[in-house]
Amino acid sequence: MWNEHFGICIVEYMAAGLVAVAHNSGGPKADIVRDKETGFLACSVSEYSDCLKHIFEKFEANRDSFLTLTCAARESTHRFSDEAFCRAFLESLGDV
């Protein structure tokens, strides 16, 4: 989805251990996916195809790199948890 304002579905499938291939715009680009570290970003058909080819070739040959990426992605989703939101919200209130 082009220029999606956030991308909760992307966060949900990263949390489930899936490899994210998201549009290189909006929330996925700004806040969610760290390209090639926690998933992949693409804009064009050829970029999406290159990402998928890379995923299938690399991860078929090296399961450890797949696990490294999915674990990093899953870990990165904790910053969107209810607990992280509550903590940040209360910190923003200061000494109220």
N, C-alpha and C. Protein backbone atom coordinates (compact mmCIF):
# COMPACT_ATOMS: atom_id res chain seq x y z
N MET A 1 0.85 -1.18 0.00
CA MET A 1 0.00 0.00 0.00
C MET A 1 0.89 1.23 0.00
N TRP A 2 0.71 2.10 -0.93
CA TRP A 2 1.54 3.29 -1.08
C TRP A 2 1.23 4.30 0.02
N ASN A 3 2.26 4.80 0.66
CA ASN A 3 2.18 5.87 1.64
C ASN A 3 1.22 5.58 2.80
N GLU A 4 1.18 4.35 3.21
CA GLU A 4 0.33 3.97 4.35
C GLU A 4 0.77 4.73 5.58
N HIS A 5 -0.17 5.29 6.32
CA HIS A 5 0.19 6.15 7.45
C HIS A 5 0.89 5.40 8.57
N PHE A 6 0.63 4.12 8.73
CA PHE A 6 1.40 3.37 9.73
C PHE A 6 1.71 1.98 9.21
N GLY A 7 0.82 1.06 9.30
CA GLY A 7 1.06 -0.29 8.81
C GLY A 7 1.00 -1.35 9.89
N ILE A 8 -0.09 -1.36 10.67
CA ILE A 8 -0.20 -2.31 11.77
C ILE A 8 -0.14 -3.75 11.28
N CYS A 9 -0.63 -4.01 10.07
CA CYS A 9 -0.56 -5.39 9.55
C CYS A 9 0.89 -5.83 9.38
N ILE A 10 1.74 -4.92 8.95
CA ILE A 10 3.15 -5.24 8.80
C ILE A 10 3.76 -5.57 10.16
N VAL A 11 3.43 -4.78 11.15
CA VAL A 11 3.93 -5.05 12.52
C VAL A 11 3.43 -6.41 12.98
N GLU A 12 2.18 -6.73 12.70
CA GLU A 12 1.61 -8.00 13.15
C GLU A 12 2.29 -9.19 12.50
N TYR A 13 2.57 -9.11 11.20
CA TYR A 13 3.21 -10.29 10.62
C TYR A 13 4.69 -10.35 10.94
N MET A 14 5.33 -9.24 11.23
CA MET A 14 6.71 -9.30 11.73
C MET A 14 6.71 -9.96 13.12
N ALA A 15 5.73 -9.60 13.96
CA ALA A 15 5.63 -10.18 15.30
C ALA A 15 5.36 -11.68 15.23
N ALA A 16 4.72 -12.11 14.14
CA ALA A 16 4.43 -13.53 13.96
C ALA A 16 5.61 -14.31 13.38
N GLY A 17 6.70 -13.61 13.07
CA GLY A 17 7.89 -14.28 12.55
C GLY A 17 7.94 -14.38 11.05
N LEU A 18 7.13 -13.60 10.35
CA LEU A 18 7.16 -13.60 8.90
C LEU A 18 8.11 -12.54 8.38
N VAL A 19 8.60 -12.72 7.17
CA VAL A 19 9.50 -11.74 6.55
C VAL A 19 8.67 -10.66 5.88
N ALA A 20 8.88 -9.42 6.28
CA ALA A 20 8.13 -8.29 5.73
C ALA A 20 8.75 -7.84 4.40
N VAL A 21 7.88 -7.67 3.41
CA VAL A 21 8.23 -6.99 2.16
C VAL A 21 7.15 -5.92 2.02
N ALA A 22 7.51 -4.68 2.33
CA ALA A 22 6.53 -3.60 2.41
C ALA A 22 6.88 -2.49 1.43
N HIS A 23 5.90 -1.63 1.19
CA HIS A 23 6.13 -0.50 0.29
C HIS A 23 7.09 0.49 0.95
N ASN A 24 8.00 1.00 0.14
CA ASN A 24 9.04 1.92 0.62
C ASN A 24 8.50 3.34 0.73
N SER A 25 7.52 3.51 1.60
CA SER A 25 6.91 4.82 1.83
C SER A 25 6.18 4.81 3.17
N GLY A 26 5.70 5.95 3.58
CA GLY A 26 4.86 6.07 4.77
C GLY A 26 5.46 5.44 6.01
N GLY A 27 4.59 4.89 6.83
CA GLY A 27 4.98 4.28 8.09
C GLY A 27 5.96 3.13 7.97
N PRO A 28 5.76 2.22 7.00
CA PRO A 28 6.73 1.14 6.87
C PRO A 28 8.15 1.65 6.68
N LYS A 29 8.32 2.66 5.85
CA LYS A 29 9.66 3.22 5.61
C LYS A 29 10.14 4.04 6.81
N ALA A 30 9.27 4.86 7.37
CA ALA A 30 9.67 5.79 8.43
C ALA A 30 9.83 5.12 9.80
N ASP A 31 8.98 4.15 10.10
CA ASP A 31 8.90 3.68 11.48
C ASP A 31 9.03 2.18 11.69
N ILE A 32 8.72 1.37 10.69
CA ILE A 32 8.54 -0.06 10.97
C ILE A 32 9.69 -0.93 10.48
N VAL A 33 9.91 -0.94 9.17
CA VAL A 33 10.88 -1.86 8.58
C VAL A 33 12.24 -1.19 8.47
N ARG A 34 13.23 -1.84 9.03
CA ARG A 34 14.62 -1.40 8.83
C ARG A 34 15.15 -2.25 7.69
N ASP A 35 15.21 -1.65 6.50
CA ASP A 35 15.48 -2.39 5.27
C ASP A 35 16.68 -3.32 5.40
N LYS A 36 16.43 -4.57 5.06
CA LYS A 36 17.41 -5.67 5.07
C LYS A 36 17.86 -6.07 6.47
N GLU A 37 17.35 -5.42 7.49
CA GLU A 37 17.67 -5.78 8.87
C GLU A 37 16.47 -6.46 9.53
N THR A 38 15.26 -5.90 9.32
CA THR A 38 14.05 -6.49 9.90
C THR A 38 13.02 -6.80 8.83
N GLY A 39 13.37 -6.62 7.58
CA GLY A 39 12.47 -6.86 6.46
C GLY A 39 13.00 -6.17 5.22
N PHE A 40 12.14 -5.99 4.25
CA PHE A 40 12.57 -5.42 2.99
C PHE A 40 11.57 -4.37 2.51
N LEU A 41 12.07 -3.36 1.83
CA LEU A 41 11.24 -2.29 1.29
C LEU A 41 11.39 -2.25 -0.23
N ALA A 42 10.28 -1.99 -0.93
CA ALA A 42 10.30 -1.95 -2.38
C ALA A 42 9.23 -0.99 -2.88
N CYS A 43 9.41 -0.50 -4.11
CA CYS A 43 8.42 0.39 -4.73
C CYS A 43 7.85 -0.17 -6.03
N SER A 44 8.70 -0.71 -6.85
CA SER A 44 8.28 -1.15 -8.18
C SER A 44 8.13 -2.67 -8.22
N VAL A 45 7.51 -3.14 -9.29
CA VAL A 45 7.35 -4.58 -9.47
C VAL A 45 8.72 -5.26 -9.47
N SER A 46 9.69 -4.66 -10.14
CA SER A 46 11.01 -5.28 -10.20
C SER A 46 11.68 -5.28 -8.83
N GLU A 47 11.48 -4.24 -8.02
CA GLU A 47 12.05 -4.22 -6.67
C GLU A 47 11.41 -5.29 -5.79
N TYR A 48 10.09 -5.44 -5.88
CA TYR A 48 9.42 -6.50 -5.12
C TYR A 48 9.94 -7.86 -5.56
N SER A 49 10.06 -8.05 -6.85
CA SER A 49 10.55 -9.32 -7.38
C SER A 49 11.98 -9.59 -6.93
N ASP A 50 12.83 -8.55 -6.94
CA ASP A 50 14.21 -8.71 -6.47
C ASP A 50 14.25 -9.09 -4.99
N CYS A 51 13.39 -8.45 -4.19
CA CYS A 51 13.33 -8.78 -2.76
C CYS A 51 12.93 -10.24 -2.56
N LEU A 52 11.89 -10.67 -3.25
CA LEU A 52 11.43 -12.04 -3.09
C LEU A 52 12.49 -13.04 -3.55
N LYS A 53 13.14 -12.74 -4.67
CA LYS A 53 14.21 -13.62 -5.16
C LYS A 53 15.32 -13.71 -4.12
N HIS A 54 15.71 -12.56 -3.57
CA HIS A 54 16.76 -12.52 -2.54
C HIS A 54 16.34 -13.36 -1.33
N ILE A 55 15.12 -13.19 -0.89
CA ILE A 55 14.63 -13.94 0.28
C ILE A 55 14.68 -15.44 0.01
N PHE A 56 14.14 -15.87 -1.12
CA PHE A 56 14.10 -17.30 -1.41
C PHE A 56 15.50 -17.90 -1.58
N GLU A 57 16.38 -17.20 -2.27
CA GLU A 57 17.72 -17.72 -2.50
C GLU A 57 18.58 -17.71 -1.24
N LYS A 58 18.58 -16.57 -0.57
CA LYS A 58 19.44 -16.43 0.61
C LYS A 58 18.99 -17.32 1.75
N PHE A 59 17.72 -17.31 2.02
CA PHE A 59 17.24 -18.02 3.19
C PHE A 59 17.13 -19.52 2.97
N GLU A 60 17.00 -19.93 1.73
CA GLU A 60 17.03 -21.36 1.46
C GLU A 60 18.43 -21.90 1.71
N ALA A 61 19.43 -21.11 1.35
CA ALA A 61 20.83 -21.52 1.50
C ALA A 61 21.33 -21.37 2.94
N ASN A 62 20.75 -20.45 3.71
CA ASN A 62 21.29 -20.15 5.04
C ASN A 62 20.15 -19.89 6.02
N ARG A 63 19.70 -20.93 6.68
CA ARG A 63 18.59 -20.80 7.62
C ARG A 63 18.92 -19.86 8.78
N ASP A 64 20.19 -19.80 9.18
CA ASP A 64 20.57 -18.92 10.29
C ASP A 64 20.31 -17.46 9.96
N SER A 65 20.56 -17.05 8.71
CA SER A 65 20.29 -15.66 8.35
C SER A 65 18.80 -15.37 8.37
N PHE A 66 17.99 -16.36 8.02
CA PHE A 66 16.53 -16.22 8.10
C PHE A 66 16.11 -16.02 9.55
N LEU A 67 16.63 -16.84 10.43
CA LEU A 67 16.28 -16.73 11.85
C LEU A 67 16.77 -15.42 12.46
N THR A 68 17.95 -14.96 12.04
CA THR A 68 18.46 -13.68 12.52
C THR A 68 17.52 -12.56 12.14
N LEU A 69 17.07 -12.54 10.89
CA LEU A 69 16.17 -11.49 10.42
C LEU A 69 14.81 -11.57 11.13
N THR A 70 14.23 -12.76 11.20
CA THR A 70 12.90 -12.87 11.82
C THR A 70 12.95 -12.56 13.31
N CYS A 71 14.03 -12.93 13.98
CA CYS A 71 14.17 -12.60 15.41
C CYS A 71 14.34 -11.09 15.60
N ALA A 72 15.13 -10.45 14.75
CA ALA A 72 15.30 -9.00 14.82
C ALA A 72 13.98 -8.29 14.54
N ALA A 73 13.24 -8.80 13.57
CA ALA A 73 11.94 -8.20 13.25
C ALA A 73 10.97 -8.34 14.41
N ARG A 74 10.91 -9.54 14.97
CA ARG A 74 10.00 -9.78 16.10
C ARG A 74 10.37 -8.89 17.28
N GLU A 75 11.66 -8.79 17.57
CA GLU A 75 12.13 -7.95 18.68
C GLU A 75 11.77 -6.48 18.43
N SER A 76 11.90 -6.02 17.19
CA SER A 76 11.63 -4.61 16.89
C SER A 76 10.16 -4.25 17.07
N THR A 77 9.28 -5.24 17.03
CA THR A 77 7.85 -4.94 17.18
C THR A 77 7.49 -4.60 18.62
N HIS A 78 8.35 -4.91 19.57
CA HIS A 78 8.05 -4.60 20.98
C HIS A 78 7.91 -3.09 21.21
N ARG A 79 8.53 -2.29 20.35
CA ARG A 79 8.41 -0.84 20.53
C ARG A 79 7.00 -0.34 20.22
N PHE A 80 6.14 -1.22 19.67
CA PHE A 80 4.75 -0.86 19.38
C PHE A 80 3.77 -1.53 20.34
N SER A 81 4.28 -2.10 21.42
CA SER A 81 3.43 -2.81 22.38
C SER A 81 2.62 -1.84 23.23
N ASP A 82 1.61 -2.37 23.88
CA ASP A 82 0.81 -1.56 24.82
C ASP A 82 1.69 -1.01 25.94
N GLU A 83 2.62 -1.83 26.42
CA GLU A 83 3.49 -1.40 27.50
C GLU A 83 4.38 -0.23 27.06
N ALA A 84 4.94 -0.33 25.85
CA ALA A 84 5.79 0.76 25.34
C ALA A 84 4.96 2.03 25.16
N PHE A 85 3.73 1.89 24.67
CA PHE A 85 2.87 3.05 24.50
C PHE A 85 2.58 3.70 25.85
N CYS A 86 2.19 2.90 26.84
CA CYS A 86 1.86 3.45 28.17
C CYS A 86 3.06 4.14 28.79
N ARG A 87 4.23 3.52 28.67
CA ARG A 87 5.45 4.11 29.23
C ARG A 87 5.74 5.46 28.58
N ALA A 88 5.68 5.51 27.25
CA ALA A 88 5.96 6.75 26.53
C ALA A 88 4.90 7.82 26.85
N PHE A 89 3.66 7.39 26.97
CA PHE A 89 2.58 8.33 27.28
C PHE A 89 2.80 8.94 28.67
N LEU A 90 3.08 8.11 29.65
CA LEU A 90 3.29 8.62 31.01
C LEU A 90 4.53 9.49 31.08
N GLU A 91 5.60 9.13 30.34
CA GLU A 91 6.79 9.98 30.32
C GLU A 91 6.49 11.34 29.71
N SER A 92 5.60 11.36 28.72
CA SER A 92 5.28 12.65 28.08
C SER A 92 4.49 13.56 29.02
N LEU A 93 3.83 12.98 30.02
CA LEU A 93 3.08 13.78 30.98
C LEU A 93 4.00 14.43 32.02
N GLY A 94 5.19 13.85 32.13
CA GLY A 94 6.14 14.42 33.11
C GLY A 94 5.68 14.17 34.54
N ASP A 95 5.83 15.19 35.38
CA ASP A 95 5.49 15.08 36.79
C ASP A 95 4.08 15.57 37.06
N VAL A 96 3.11 15.01 36.37
CA VAL A 96 1.72 15.43 36.56
C VAL A 96 1.15 14.75 37.77
